[in-house]
Protein backbone atom coordinates (compact mmCIF):
# COMPACT_ATOMS: atom_id res chain seq x y z
CA MET A 1 -0.09 -0.01 0.30
CA LEU A 2 2.72 2.36 0.41
CA ASP A 3 4.92 3.80 -2.32
CA HIS A 4 7.88 5.53 -0.19
CA LEU A 5 8.04 7.24 3.49
CA GLY A 6 9.88 9.61 4.65
CA ILE A 7 11.41 11.16 8.15
CA GLN A 8 12.40 14.15 9.14
CA VAL A 9 16.25 14.28 10.97
CA ALA A 10 18.41 16.70 12.62
CA ASP A 11 21.62 15.40 10.96
CA VAL A 12 21.24 13.71 7.50
CA PRO A 13 24.75 12.27 7.05
CA ARG A 14 24.07 10.84 10.62
CA ALA A 15 20.62 9.36 10.14
CA ALA A 16 21.79 8.31 6.35
CA ALA A 17 24.74 6.19 8.23
CA PHE A 18 22.80 4.74 10.60
CA TYR A 19 20.20 3.66 8.31
CA GLU A 20 22.49 2.20 6.22
CA THR A 21 23.91 0.35 8.79
CA VAL A 22 20.59 -1.10 10.22
CA LEU A 23 18.75 -1.74 6.70
CA ALA A 24 22.07 -3.78 5.23
CA PRO A 25 20.82 -6.62 6.91
CA LEU A 26 17.13 -6.23 5.69
CA GLY A 27 18.87 -6.14 1.76
CA ALA A 28 18.58 -2.18 2.10
CA SER A 29 21.21 0.17 0.87
CA ARG A 30 21.43 3.92 0.37
CA MET A 31 20.24 4.73 -3.27
CA LEU A 32 20.06 8.52 -3.85
CA ASP A 33 21.49 11.41 -1.79
CA PHE A 34 20.48 14.39 -2.47
CA GLY A 35 22.68 16.21 0.36
CA GLN A 36 19.55 17.14 2.53
CA ALA A 37 17.68 13.86 1.59
CA VAL A 38 18.79 10.45 1.32
CA GLY A 39 16.71 7.60 -0.17
CA LEU A 40 17.54 3.74 0.61
CA GLY A 41 15.86 0.39 -0.42
CA VAL A 42 16.10 -2.57 -1.45
CA ASP A 43 14.52 -2.32 -5.16
CA LYS A 44 13.62 1.66 -5.00
CA PRO A 45 14.32 4.39 -2.79
CA ASP A 46 11.21 3.94 -0.60
CA PHE A 47 12.65 5.53 2.85
CA TRP A 48 13.60 8.58 2.99
CA VAL A 49 15.61 10.74 5.63
CA GLY A 50 15.76 14.47 5.16
CA ALA A 51 16.56 17.73 7.29
CA THR A 52 13.92 18.98 9.46
CA THR A 53 12.26 21.84 8.12
CA GLY A 54 10.31 23.35 10.96
CA GLU A 55 11.40 24.48 13.89
CA GLY A 56 12.57 22.63 16.76
CA GLN A 57 12.94 19.09 17.08
CA PRO A 58 11.88 16.13 14.49
CA TRP A 59 8.12 15.03 15.91
CA GLU A 60 8.83 10.60 16.63
CA THR A 61 7.67 8.39 14.32
CA HIS A 62 7.07 5.13 14.16
CA VAL A 63 8.63 2.58 11.15
CA ALA A 64 8.13 -1.16 10.85
CA PHE A 65 10.62 -2.67 7.98
CA ALA A 66 9.39 -5.47 7.00
CA ALA A 67 12.10 -8.94 7.18
CA ALA A 68 11.72 -12.05 5.40
CA ASP A 69 12.40 -13.81 8.47
CA ARG A 70 13.55 -13.93 12.23
CA ALA A 71 17.13 -14.38 11.37
CA MET A 72 16.89 -11.10 9.57
CA VAL A 73 15.15 -9.39 12.42
CA GLN A 74 18.00 -10.43 14.68
CA ALA A 75 20.58 -9.46 12.04
CA PHE A 76 18.72 -5.39 12.21
CA PHE A 77 18.55 -5.47 15.76
CA ASP A 78 22.55 -6.63 16.09
CA ALA A 79 23.49 -3.95 13.41
CA ALA A 80 21.57 -1.28 15.13
CA VAL A 81 22.57 -1.76 19.14
CA GLY A 82 26.58 -1.91 17.01
CA ALA A 83 25.24 1.47 15.56
CA GLY A 84 24.76 2.94 19.23
CA ALA A 85 20.53 2.31 19.05
CA GLU A 86 18.73 2.70 22.41
CA VAL A 87 17.12 -0.82 22.72
CA LEU A 88 13.43 -0.43 23.28
CA HIS A 89 12.70 -3.98 22.73
CA GLU A 90 15.26 -7.14 22.16
CA PRO A 91 13.97 -9.58 19.66
CA ARG A 92 11.16 -11.71 20.64
CA VAL A 93 7.44 -12.91 19.43
CA PHE A 94 4.77 -10.53 20.23
CA PRO A 95 1.37 -12.58 20.57
CA GLU A 96 -0.57 -9.26 21.29
CA TYR A 97 -0.08 -8.58 17.76
CA HIS A 98 -0.33 -11.98 16.90
CA ALA A 99 0.93 -15.58 17.02
CA SER A 100 4.21 -15.32 14.44
CA TYR A 101 4.69 -11.87 14.87
CA PHE A 102 8.67 -11.40 15.52
CA GLY A 103 9.79 -8.10 15.90
CA ALA A 104 12.70 -5.91 17.75
CA PHE A 105 12.71 -2.44 18.47
CA VAL A 106 15.27 0.83 18.49
CA ARG A 107 15.50 3.86 18.53
CA ASP A 108 17.63 5.82 16.23
CA PRO A 109 19.74 8.95 16.87
CA ASP A 110 16.48 11.04 16.45
CA GLY A 111 14.23 9.20 18.89
CA ASN A 112 12.45 7.51 16.08
CA ASN A 113 10.79 4.32 17.11
CA VAL A 114 12.38 1.79 14.55
CA GLU A 115 11.26 -2.03 13.90
CA ALA A 116 11.76 -5.03 12.02
CA VAL A 117 9.23 -7.54 11.91
CA CYS A 118 8.32 -10.96 10.73
CA HIS A 119 5.24 -12.16 10.17
CA ARG A 120 6.08 -15.32 9.48
CA PRO A 121 6.24 -18.99 12.35
CA GLU A 122 9.69 -20.01 12.53
C-alpha cells in the first residue's frame, strides 16, 4: 500500500549512516543522495531521511521494516545496537499482535521508534 515514506531528522548524514547500517541486513542500501535528503531501499528508494523543515526537534515516528525471516530481525537488531541505538524491545514474539509476530524495536539517533518485523512462524 505504501509507495515511499520519509522522516525528518536533525542530522541527515548521521541518520543516513545509521539507516544504511541497520537496513543492510534487510537487503537495503543508499540509492539516492540529494544532500538534505537520502533515499534508501531494496529495489527503489522507498525510505527517505530528510532535514527537519520546521523549527524545533523532529516529531517521533514509528517505522516498521519487513524482514523475510527471524534471522533478519536479529541481524537488524544487532546492527542497530552496534550503531549505538537505544534498545526499546529486544527481538521476540509479540503474541499480543499475533502468534507469529517476531519483532525488535530500537530508537534511532533522532528518537524515532524503528522496528524490524517478520510475520512468519519459525
